[in-house]
C-alpha atoms as a PDB file:
ATOM      1  CA  MET A   1       0.000   0.000   0.000  1.00  0.00           C
ATOM      2  CA  GLU A   2       2.835   2.385   0.785  1.00  0.00           C
ATOM      3  CA  GLY A   3       4.457   1.512  -2.547  1.00  0.00           C
ATOM      4  CA  ILE A   4       1.254   2.488  -4.341  1.00  0.00           C
ATOM      5  CA  GLY A   5       1.372   5.789  -2.480  1.00  0.00           C
ATOM      6  CA  PHE A   6       4.935   6.352  -3.649  1.00  0.00           C
ATOM      7  CA  VAL A   7       3.879   5.744  -7.248  1.00  0.00           C
ATOM      8  CA  LEU A   8       1.041   8.243  -6.862  1.00  0.00           C
ATOM      9  CA  MET A   9       3.454  10.785  -5.347  1.00  0.00           C
ATOM     10  CA  TYR A  10       5.806  10.264  -8.271  1.00  0.00           C
ATOM     11  CA  PHE A  11       2.963  10.953 -10.693  1.00  0.00           C
ATOM     12  CA  MET A  12       2.064  14.126  -8.774  1.00  0.00           C
ATOM     13  CA  LYS A  13       5.579  15.485  -8.193  1.00  0.00           C
ATOM     14  CA  LYS A  14       7.636  13.845 -10.981  1.00  0.00           C
ATOM     15  CA  ALA A  15      10.326  12.953  -8.419  1.00  0.00           C
ATOM     16  CA  LEU A  16      10.798  11.302  -5.034  1.00  0.00           C
ATOM     17  CA  PRO A  17      13.262  12.322  -2.291  1.00  0.00           C
ATOM     18  CA  TRP A  18      15.390   9.182  -2.690  1.00  0.00           C
ATOM     19  CA  GLN A  19      15.871   9.432  -6.431  1.00  0.00           C
ATOM     20  CA  GLY A  20      19.408  10.216  -7.470  1.00  0.00           C
ATOM     21  CA  LEU A  21      21.091   8.860  -4.344  1.00  0.00           C
ATOM     22  CA  THR A  22      24.569   7.562  -4.985  1.00  0.00           C
ATOM     23  CA  ALA A  23      26.401   4.759  -3.229  1.00  0.00           C
ATOM     24  CA  LYS A  24      29.381   2.439  -3.615  1.00  0.00           C
ATOM     25  CA  ASN A  25      27.214  -0.598  -4.304  1.00  0.00           C
ATOM     26  CA  LYS A  26      23.591  -1.739  -4.590  1.00  0.00           C
ATOM     27  CA  LYS A  27      23.363  -2.848  -0.974  1.00  0.00           C
ATOM     28  CA  GLU A  28      24.477   0.563   0.268  1.00  0.00           C
ATOM     29  CA  LYS A  29      22.163   2.333  -2.177  1.00  0.00           C
ATOM     30  CA  TYR A  30      19.123   0.330  -1.068  1.00  0.00           C
ATOM     31  CA  GLU A  31      20.029   0.980   2.566  1.00  0.00           C
ATOM     32  CA  LYS A  32      20.155   4.734   1.864  1.00  0.00           C
ATOM     33  CA  ILE A  33      16.798   4.568   0.056  1.00  0.00           C
ATOM     34  CA  LYS A  34      15.280   2.721   3.018  1.00  0.00           C
ATOM     35  CA  GLU A  35      16.582   5.365   5.414  1.00  0.00           C
ATOM     36  CA  VAL A  36      15.235   8.257   3.355  1.00  0.00           C
ATOM     37  CA  LYS A  37      11.828   6.570   3.009  1.00  0.00           C
ATOM     38  CA  ARG A  38      11.718   5.931   6.757  1.00  0.00           C
ATOM     39  CA  ASP A  39      12.995   9.361   7.793  1.00  0.00           C
ATOM     40  CA  THR A  40      11.058  11.597   5.390  1.00  0.00           C
ATOM     41  CA  PRO A  41       8.033  13.004   7.241  1.00  0.00           C
ATOM     42  CA  VAL A  42       4.711  12.530   5.471  1.00  0.00           C
ATOM     43  CA  ASP A  43       4.177  16.307   5.352  1.00  0.00           C
ATOM     44  CA  VAL A  44       7.486  16.736   3.525  1.00  0.00           C
ATOM     45  CA  LEU A  45       6.853  13.832   1.159  1.00  0.00           C
ATOM     46  CA  CYS A  46       3.410  15.193   0.262  1.00  0.00           C
ATOM     47  CA  GLU A  47       4.346  18.879   0.184  1.00  0.00           C
ATOM     48  CA  GLY A  48       2.448  20.699  -2.541  1.00  0.00           C
ATOM     49  CA  CYS A  49      -0.052  17.875  -3.018  1.00  0.00           C
ATOM     50  CA  PRO A  50      -3.682  17.665  -1.897  1.00  0.00           C
ATOM     51  CA  ARG A  51      -4.268  16.808   1.776  1.00  0.00           C
ATOM     52  CA  GLU A  52      -5.724  13.424   0.802  1.00  0.00           C
ATOM     53  CA  PHE A  53      -2.192  12.162   0.182  1.00  0.00           C
ATOM     54  CA  VAL A  54      -1.161  13.013   3.742  1.00  0.00           C
ATOM     55  CA  LYS A  55      -4.287  11.271   5.041  1.00  0.00           C
ATOM     56  CA  TYR A  56      -3.519   8.218   2.895  1.00  0.00           C
ATOM     57  CA  PHE A  57       0.096   7.891   4.068  1.00  0.00           C
ATOM     58  CA  ASN A  58      -0.787   8.499   7.708  1.00  0.00           C
ATOM     59  CA  TYR A  59      -3.488   5.841   7.479  1.00  0.00           C
ATOM     60  CA  ILE A  60      -1.364   3.155   5.837  1.00  0.00           C
ATOM     61  CA  ARG A  61       1.582   3.839   8.123  1.00  0.00           C
ATOM     62  CA  SER A  62      -0.699   3.396  11.138  1.00  0.00           C
ATOM     63  CA  LEU A  63      -1.675  -0.137  10.090  1.00  0.00           C
ATOM     64  CA  LYS A  64      -0.202  -3.124  11.843  1.00  0.00           C
ATOM     65  CA  PHE A  65       1.520  -5.668   9.587  1.00  0.00           C
ATOM     66  CA  GLU A  66      -1.286  -8.219   9.923  1.00  0.00           C
ATOM     67  CA  GLU A  67      -4.095  -5.671   9.634  1.00  0.00           C
ATOM     68  CA  ILE A  68      -6.250  -5.645   6.517  1.00  0.00           C
ATOM     69  CA  PRO A  69      -6.462  -2.137   5.058  1.00  0.00           C
ATOM     70  CA  ASP A  70      -9.818  -0.439   4.621  1.00  0.00           C
ATOM     71  CA  TYR A  71      -9.639  -0.266   0.843  1.00  0.00           C
ATOM     72  CA  SER A  72     -12.969   1.555   0.627  1.00  0.00           C
ATOM     73  CA  TYR A  73     -11.600   4.332   2.821  1.00  0.00           C
ATOM     74  CA  CYS A  74      -8.478   4.668   0.670  1.00  0.00           C
ATOM     75  CA  ARG A  75     -10.440   4.696  -2.590  1.00  0.00           C
ATOM     76  CA  GLY A  76     -12.864   7.172  -1.076  1.00  0.00           C
ATOM     77  CA  LEU A  77     -10.073   9.611  -0.283  1.00  0.00           C
ATOM     78  CA  PHE A  78      -9.050   9.807  -3.907  1.00  0.00           C
ATOM     79  CA  ARG A  79     -12.531   9.578  -5.405  1.00  0.00           C
ATOM     80  CA  GLY A  80     -13.557  12.516  -3.231  1.00  0.00           C
ATOM     81  CA  LEU A  81     -10.493  14.436  -4.384  1.00  0.00           C
ATOM     82  CA  MET A  82     -11.248  13.711  -8.023  1.00  0.00           C
ATOM     83  CA  LYS A  83     -14.822  14.886  -7.560  1.00  0.00           C
ATOM     84  CA  GLU A  84     -13.709  18.027  -5.683  1.00  0.00           C
ATOM     85  CA  LYS A  85     -11.191  18.915  -8.422  1.00  0.00           C
ATOM     86  CA  ALA A  86     -13.624  17.897 -11.199  1.00  0.00           C
ATOM     87  CA  TRP A  87     -10.999  15.535 -12.587  1.00  0.00           C
ATOM     88  CA  PRO A  88     -12.457  12.972 -14.993  1.00  0.00           C
ATOM     89  CA  MET A  89     -12.939   9.454 -13.693  1.00  0.00           C
ATOM     90  CA  ASP A  90     -11.982   7.764 -16.917  1.00  0.00           C
ATOM     91  CA  PHE A  91     -11.007   4.407 -15.480  1.00  0.00           C
END
């Protein structure tokens, strides 16, 4: 679910905070990416985007590993946003 959020953020912002990191090897690079993902506050990650993205990330990050997400809630966040912005629902 968090990965889907990152894809959506990429579509909105055209870049993510961990893109362009350099390292000596793949293991080090992936460790750096993990740290940036973990340490970037949701408000910073979603800066300049509609508030629904902050709500989405806060919700999914609050879930326990075994917990089943409320998919209707998540879809509703973005459907409401699309309706509010009068964006076409062409899917």
